[in-house]
Structures are given as structure tokens and as C-alpha cells.
């Protein structure tokens, strides 16, 4: 069996959206944070710029800060995470 390189009318295919739209990526990261164990992410805000995620807000402890970054980095489409979360929730 012979496989040809993928093409469309003799031109290589083009990718219209290399990265998911910002709103969809923000939603995916927010959903992952909400569903994950080991963190109360109700005070965390997610901002997407391209495939970079910025996390802001506050959580109760330093381990939760690290956990939030791990979770965000694990989401498909995320290439970089900037973690600006503060520990020690401000009332």
C-alpha cells in the first residue's frame, strides 16, 4: 500500500487556528481547576493570550499555588503558564 503526503489540490493543508481560541482555552483551564482535587480554585482567575495562560488571584496555601500551575500546564493547548497566584486568601 502506498501513502501519499496529505495535500489539497497539490497544496499542503493549512491550519486555520493553530491555537484554540482564548475563551475556549480559558474555559478548559477553569474547568480543569474546578474539577481537580487538592485545590480550592474559587479565587483563581484564568487569562489566555495565545497558548500562554496567566493565573491570578489567591488560594489558601503554597502547595495550592503549585497545584494550580500543574493543572493549567496539563490542559491540551497550553504551552506556557505564568503563575501570579498569591497564597493566603484575602478576605
Protein backbone atom coordinates (compact mmCIF):
# COMPACT_ATOMS: atom_id res chain seq x y z
CA UNK A 1 0.00 0.00 0.00
CA UNK A 2 1.32 3.45 -0.93
CA UNK A 3 0.54 6.54 1.13
CA UNK A 4 0.81 9.99 -0.40
CA UNK A 5 1.61 13.14 1.53
CA UNK A 6 -1.53 14.97 2.56
CA UNK A 7 -2.44 17.77 0.14
CA UNK A 8 -5.39 19.70 -1.17
CA UNK A 9 -5.25 20.37 -4.91
CA UNK A 10 -1.47 19.92 -4.88
CA UNK A 11 -1.01 22.36 -1.96
CA UNK A 12 -0.20 21.35 1.61
CA UNK A 13 -3.11 21.75 4.01
CA UNK A 14 -3.25 24.92 6.08
CA UNK A 15 -4.20 25.21 9.71
CA UNK A 16 -6.70 27.99 10.31
CA UNK A 17 -6.37 28.06 14.10
CA UNK A 18 -3.05 26.80 15.39
CA UNK A 19 -4.13 27.51 18.97
CA UNK A 20 -7.62 27.18 20.42
CA UNK A 21 -9.48 30.48 20.76
CA UNK A 22 -8.70 32.27 24.03
CA UNK A 23 -12.18 31.85 25.51
CA UNK A 24 -12.20 28.11 24.88
CA UNK A 25 -8.73 27.68 26.37
CA UNK A 26 -9.64 29.80 29.42
CA UNK A 27 -12.75 27.67 29.88
CA UNK A 28 -10.82 24.43 29.59
CA UNK A 29 -8.28 25.54 32.21
CA UNK A 30 -11.03 26.86 34.52
CA UNK A 31 -12.93 23.58 34.20
CA UNK A 32 -9.78 21.58 34.95
CA UNK A 33 -9.08 23.70 38.04
CA UNK A 34 -12.67 23.31 39.26
CA UNK A 35 -12.65 19.53 38.80
CA UNK A 36 -9.20 18.86 40.26
CA UNK A 37 -8.57 17.68 43.77
CA UNK A 38 -6.09 19.28 46.12
CA UNK A 39 -7.07 22.87 45.38
CA UNK A 40 -9.91 25.29 46.07
CA UNK A 41 -9.71 27.38 42.89
CA UNK A 42 -12.71 29.63 43.55
CA UNK A 43 -10.36 32.61 43.95
CA UNK A 44 -8.28 31.86 40.83
CA UNK A 45 -8.72 33.83 37.59
CA UNK A 46 -7.57 32.49 34.21
CA UNK A 47 -6.44 34.65 31.27
CA UNK A 48 -5.34 33.21 27.91
CA UNK A 49 -3.10 35.01 25.45
CA UNK A 50 -2.43 32.68 22.55
CA UNK A 51 -1.36 29.42 24.18
CA UNK A 52 0.00 31.15 27.30
CA UNK A 53 -2.14 31.03 30.43
CA UNK A 54 -1.84 33.61 33.22
CA UNK A 55 -3.20 32.61 36.61
CA UNK A 56 -4.07 35.36 39.10
CA UNK A 57 -5.98 35.57 42.37
CA UNK A 58 -5.38 33.80 45.64
CA UNK A 59 -5.54 30.38 47.29
CA UNK A 60 -5.00 29.27 50.88
CA UNK A 61 -1.51 27.73 50.67
CA UNK A 62 1.72 27.47 48.66
CA UNK A 63 1.00 23.83 47.68
CA UNK A 64 -2.26 25.03 46.09
CA UNK A 65 -0.31 27.65 44.10
CA UNK A 66 1.93 24.91 42.70
CA UNK A 67 -1.03 22.58 42.10
CA UNK A 68 -2.87 25.25 40.09
CA UNK A 69 0.14 25.64 37.81
CA UNK A 70 0.43 21.85 37.33
CA UNK A 71 -3.25 21.61 36.42
CA UNK A 72 -3.12 24.52 33.96
CA UNK A 73 0.02 23.12 32.28
CA UNK A 74 -1.70 19.74 31.80
CA UNK A 75 -4.54 21.18 29.68
CA UNK A 76 -4.28 20.50 25.94
CA UNK A 77 -3.31 23.63 24.01
CA UNK A 78 -1.41 25.27 26.87
CA UNK A 79 2.27 25.86 26.09
CA UNK A 80 3.25 28.15 28.96
CA UNK A 81 1.83 29.11 32.37
CA UNK A 82 2.53 32.38 34.16
CA UNK A 83 1.58 31.88 37.79
CA UNK A 84 0.77 35.13 39.64
CA UNK A 85 -1.40 33.46 42.31
CA UNK A 86 -0.84 34.61 45.88
CA UNK A 87 -1.12 32.26 48.85
CA UNK A 88 -3.18 33.19 51.89
CA UNK A 89 -6.68 34.12 50.81
CA UNK A 90 -7.52 37.80 51.28
CA UNK A 91 -10.94 38.30 52.85
